[in-house]
Amino acid sequence: MNKERRKVIGNIFGDAAKYTLTAGVIGTFLSGQYSLLSSSIIGAFFVIFALLAYFVTPKDGNVKSSMKKTSVTYGDIRETLPLEGG
C-alpha cells in the first residue's frame, strides 16, 4: 500500500479512536447511567482503533521528504484548478 494512503488511513483510525472515546464519555455523562458492559465495549473499540492506527501508519524516519512530496502534490492541484469562475 502507498505510504501516503497508509498515513491517511492511520489518521482515520486515530480519529475514530478519539471520537469513540469522546462519544462514550459524553454519552455516559449526559445519560447519568454508568454501565460496565457499555464501558467495556467502548474501551474495546478504542483499543482496536488505536492499535489499527499504530500498525497501519508507516514508520517514517525522514519527515522532510514526505512533507516535500505533499507540498508538490498541493502545488499540482492548485495549478489544475481554475481560480476564477471561467
N, C-alpha and C. Protein backbone atom coordinates (compact mmCIF):
# COMPACT_ATOMS: atom_id res chain seq x y z
N MET A 1 0.85 -1.18 0.00
CA MET A 1 0.00 0.00 0.00
C MET A 1 0.90 1.25 0.00
N ASN A 2 0.46 2.27 -0.64
CA ASN A 2 1.18 3.53 -0.75
C ASN A 2 1.37 4.15 0.64
N LYS A 3 2.55 4.75 0.88
CA LYS A 3 2.83 5.36 2.19
C LYS A 3 1.85 6.47 2.53
N GLU A 4 1.53 7.30 1.54
CA GLU A 4 0.61 8.41 1.81
C GLU A 4 -0.78 7.90 2.15
N ARG A 5 -1.21 6.86 1.46
CA ARG A 5 -2.52 6.27 1.78
C ARG A 5 -2.52 5.66 3.17
N ARG A 6 -1.40 5.00 3.52
CA ARG A 6 -1.31 4.41 4.85
C ARG A 6 -1.37 5.49 5.93
N LYS A 7 -0.74 6.63 5.67
CA LYS A 7 -0.79 7.73 6.64
C LYS A 7 -2.22 8.24 6.81
N VAL A 8 -2.93 8.38 5.70
CA VAL A 8 -4.31 8.87 5.76
C VAL A 8 -5.19 7.87 6.49
N ILE A 9 -5.04 6.59 6.17
CA ILE A 9 -5.85 5.57 6.83
C ILE A 9 -5.51 5.49 8.32
N GLY A 10 -4.22 5.64 8.65
CA GLY A 10 -3.82 5.66 10.06
C GLY A 10 -4.44 6.84 10.80
N ASN A 11 -4.49 8.00 10.14
CA ASN A 11 -5.13 9.17 10.75
C ASN A 11 -6.62 8.95 10.95
N ILE A 12 -7.25 8.27 9.99
CA ILE A 12 -8.69 7.98 10.12
C ILE A 12 -8.94 7.08 11.32
N PHE A 13 -8.12 6.02 11.47
CA PHE A 13 -8.29 5.13 12.61
C PHE A 13 -8.00 5.86 13.93
N GLY A 14 -7.01 6.75 13.93
CA GLY A 14 -6.72 7.53 15.13
C GLY A 14 -7.87 8.44 15.50
N ASP A 15 -8.46 9.08 14.49
CA ASP A 15 -9.62 9.94 14.75
C ASP A 15 -10.81 9.13 15.24
N ALA A 16 -11.01 7.95 14.66
CA ALA A 16 -12.11 7.08 15.09
C ALA A 16 -11.93 6.67 16.54
N ALA A 17 -10.70 6.40 16.95
CA ALA A 17 -10.44 6.05 18.35
C ALA A 17 -10.79 7.21 19.28
N LYS A 18 -10.36 8.43 18.90
CA LYS A 18 -10.66 9.60 19.73
C LYS A 18 -12.16 9.87 19.80
N TYR A 19 -12.84 9.76 18.66
CA TYR A 19 -14.27 10.05 18.63
C TYR A 19 -15.06 9.00 19.41
N THR A 20 -14.62 7.74 19.34
CA THR A 20 -15.30 6.69 20.10
C THR A 20 -15.20 6.95 21.59
N LEU A 21 -14.01 7.29 22.04
CA LEU A 21 -13.82 7.56 23.46
C LEU A 21 -14.58 8.81 23.89
N THR A 22 -14.54 9.85 23.08
CA THR A 22 -15.25 11.09 23.40
C THR A 22 -16.75 10.88 23.47
N ALA A 23 -17.30 10.19 22.47
CA ALA A 23 -18.75 9.93 22.47
C ALA A 23 -19.16 9.07 23.65
N GLY A 24 -18.33 8.11 24.01
CA GLY A 24 -18.64 7.26 25.16
C GLY A 24 -18.64 8.02 26.47
N VAL A 25 -17.65 8.88 26.66
CA VAL A 25 -17.57 9.66 27.91
C VAL A 25 -18.72 10.66 27.99
N ILE A 26 -18.98 11.37 26.88
CA ILE A 26 -20.06 12.36 26.89
C ILE A 26 -21.42 11.67 27.05
N GLY A 27 -21.61 10.55 26.37
CA GLY A 27 -22.87 9.82 26.49
C GLY A 27 -23.11 9.31 27.90
N THR A 28 -22.07 8.82 28.54
CA THR A 28 -22.20 8.36 29.93
C THR A 28 -22.50 9.53 30.86
N PHE A 29 -21.85 10.65 30.62
CA PHE A 29 -22.06 11.82 31.46
C PHE A 29 -23.47 12.38 31.31
N LEU A 30 -23.94 12.49 30.07
CA LEU A 30 -25.27 13.06 29.83
C LEU A 30 -26.40 12.13 30.26
N SER A 31 -26.20 10.83 30.10
CA SER A 31 -27.27 9.90 30.47
C SER A 31 -27.33 9.68 31.98
N GLY A 32 -26.20 9.85 32.62
CA GLY A 32 -26.17 9.66 34.07
C GLY A 32 -26.19 8.19 34.47
N GLN A 33 -26.07 7.30 33.51
CA GLN A 33 -26.09 5.87 33.79
C GLN A 33 -24.75 5.27 33.39
N TYR A 34 -24.08 4.67 34.35
CA TYR A 34 -22.81 4.02 34.08
C TYR A 34 -23.05 2.53 33.96
N SER A 35 -22.61 1.95 32.88
CA SER A 35 -22.77 0.52 32.67
C SER A 35 -21.40 -0.08 32.39
N LEU A 36 -21.09 -1.14 33.09
CA LEU A 36 -19.81 -1.81 32.89
C LEU A 36 -19.73 -2.41 31.50
N LEU A 37 -20.85 -2.93 30.99
CA LEU A 37 -20.87 -3.52 29.66
C LEU A 37 -20.59 -2.47 28.58
N SER A 38 -21.29 -1.35 28.65
CA SER A 38 -21.08 -0.31 27.63
C SER A 38 -19.68 0.28 27.73
N SER A 39 -19.17 0.45 28.92
CA SER A 39 -17.81 0.96 29.08
C SER A 39 -16.79 -0.02 28.53
N SER A 40 -17.03 -1.30 28.72
CA SER A 40 -16.13 -2.31 28.18
C SER A 40 -16.13 -2.31 26.66
N ILE A 41 -17.31 -2.17 26.07
CA ILE A 41 -17.42 -2.14 24.62
C ILE A 41 -16.73 -0.91 24.05
N ILE A 42 -16.95 0.24 24.67
CA ILE A 42 -16.30 1.48 24.22
C ILE A 42 -14.78 1.36 24.35
N GLY A 43 -14.33 0.82 25.46
CA GLY A 43 -12.90 0.63 25.67
C GLY A 43 -12.29 -0.33 24.66
N ALA A 44 -13.01 -1.40 24.34
CA ALA A 44 -12.52 -2.36 23.36
C ALA A 44 -12.39 -1.72 21.98
N PHE A 45 -13.41 -0.96 21.57
CA PHE A 45 -13.33 -0.30 20.27
C PHE A 45 -12.21 0.73 20.24
N PHE A 46 -12.02 1.44 21.35
CA PHE A 46 -10.93 2.41 21.42
C PHE A 46 -9.58 1.72 21.22
N VAL A 47 -9.37 0.61 21.91
CA VAL A 47 -8.11 -0.11 21.80
C VAL A 47 -7.91 -0.66 20.38
N ILE A 48 -8.97 -1.20 19.79
CA ILE A 48 -8.87 -1.74 18.42
C ILE A 48 -8.51 -0.64 17.43
N PHE A 49 -9.21 0.49 17.50
CA PHE A 49 -8.92 1.59 16.58
C PHE A 49 -7.52 2.15 16.80
N ALA A 50 -7.11 2.28 18.06
CA ALA A 50 -5.78 2.82 18.36
C ALA A 50 -4.69 1.87 17.84
N LEU A 51 -4.87 0.58 18.02
CA LEU A 51 -3.88 -0.38 17.51
C LEU A 51 -3.83 -0.39 15.99
N LEU A 52 -5.00 -0.31 15.36
CA LEU A 52 -5.02 -0.24 13.90
C LEU A 52 -4.29 1.01 13.40
N ALA A 53 -4.53 2.13 14.06
CA ALA A 53 -3.85 3.37 13.67
C ALA A 53 -2.34 3.24 13.84
N TYR A 54 -1.92 2.58 14.93
CA TYR A 54 -0.49 2.44 15.19
C TYR A 54 0.19 1.54 14.15
N PHE A 55 -0.45 0.42 13.83
CA PHE A 55 0.19 -0.54 12.93
C PHE A 55 0.02 -0.19 11.45
N VAL A 56 -1.01 0.57 11.09
CA VAL A 56 -1.21 0.94 9.69
C VAL A 56 -0.31 2.10 9.30
N THR A 57 -0.09 3.04 10.21
CA THR A 57 0.73 4.21 9.91
C THR A 57 2.18 3.79 9.70
N PRO A 58 2.78 4.16 8.56
CA PRO A 58 4.17 3.76 8.30
C PRO A 58 5.12 4.51 9.22
N LYS A 59 6.17 3.83 9.59
CA LYS A 59 7.20 4.45 10.42
C LYS A 59 8.15 5.19 9.49
N ASP A 60 8.06 6.51 9.50
CA ASP A 60 8.80 7.33 8.56
C ASP A 60 9.90 8.06 9.31
N GLY A 61 11.15 7.74 9.01
CA GLY A 61 12.27 8.38 9.68
C GLY A 61 12.59 9.75 9.13
N ASN A 62 12.25 9.98 7.87
CA ASN A 62 12.58 11.25 7.22
C ASN A 62 11.29 12.00 6.93
N VAL A 63 10.90 12.87 7.83
CA VAL A 63 9.64 13.59 7.69
C VAL A 63 9.73 14.66 6.61
N LYS A 64 10.90 15.25 6.43
CA LYS A 64 11.04 16.34 5.46
C LYS A 64 10.74 15.87 4.04
N SER A 65 11.13 14.64 3.69
CA SER A 65 10.87 14.17 2.33
C SER A 65 9.38 13.98 2.08
N SER A 66 8.65 13.49 3.08
CA SER A 66 7.21 13.32 2.88
C SER A 66 6.50 14.67 2.84
N MET A 67 6.98 15.65 3.60
CA MET A 67 6.39 16.98 3.54
C MET A 67 6.66 17.61 2.18
N LYS A 68 7.82 17.34 1.62
CA LYS A 68 8.16 17.88 0.32
C LYS A 68 7.21 17.32 -0.74
N LYS A 69 6.94 16.03 -0.68
CA LYS A 69 6.03 15.41 -1.64
C LYS A 69 4.63 15.98 -1.51
N THR A 70 4.19 16.22 -0.28
CA THR A 70 2.86 16.76 -0.06
C THR A 70 2.74 18.16 -0.65
N SER A 71 3.76 18.99 -0.47
CA SER A 71 3.68 20.34 -0.99
C SER A 71 3.70 20.34 -2.51
N VAL A 72 4.43 19.41 -3.12
CA VAL A 72 4.44 19.30 -4.57
C VAL A 72 3.07 18.88 -5.06
N THR A 73 2.43 17.94 -4.35
CA THR A 73 1.09 17.50 -4.74
C THR A 73 0.12 18.66 -4.65
N TYR A 74 0.17 19.44 -3.57
CA TYR A 74 -0.72 20.58 -3.45
C TYR A 74 -0.46 21.59 -4.55
N GLY A 75 0.82 21.78 -4.91
CA GLY A 75 1.15 22.70 -5.97
C GLY A 75 0.55 22.25 -7.28
N ASP A 76 0.58 20.94 -7.56
CA ASP A 76 -0.01 20.42 -8.79
C ASP A 76 -1.51 20.61 -8.80
N ILE A 77 -2.15 20.42 -7.66
CA ILE A 77 -3.61 20.57 -7.59
C ILE A 77 -3.99 22.03 -7.83
N ARG A 78 -3.25 22.95 -7.24
CA ARG A 78 -3.57 24.36 -7.41
C ARG A 78 -3.42 24.78 -8.87
N GLU A 79 -2.46 24.20 -9.56
CA GLU A 79 -2.25 24.56 -10.96
C GLU A 79 -3.38 24.05 -11.84
N THR A 80 -4.01 22.93 -11.48
CA THR A 80 -5.06 22.36 -12.33
C THR A 80 -6.43 22.94 -12.04
N LEU A 81 -6.63 23.52 -10.86
CA LEU A 81 -7.93 24.08 -10.52
C LEU A 81 -8.08 25.49 -11.07
N PRO A 82 -9.22 25.82 -11.64
CA PRO A 82 -9.42 27.19 -12.12
C PRO A 82 -9.60 28.13 -10.92
N LEU A 83 -8.98 29.30 -10.99
CA LEU A 83 -9.07 30.25 -9.90
C LEU A 83 -10.29 31.14 -10.00
N GLU A 84 -10.80 31.33 -11.19
CA GLU A 84 -11.95 32.18 -11.38
C GLU A 84 -13.10 31.36 -11.95
N GLY A 85 -14.27 31.94 -12.02
CA GLY A 85 -15.47 31.22 -12.44
C GLY A 85 -15.50 30.82 -13.91
N GLY A 86 -14.49 31.04 -14.69
CA GLY A 86 -14.50 30.80 -16.11
C GLY A 86 -13.94 29.55 -16.55
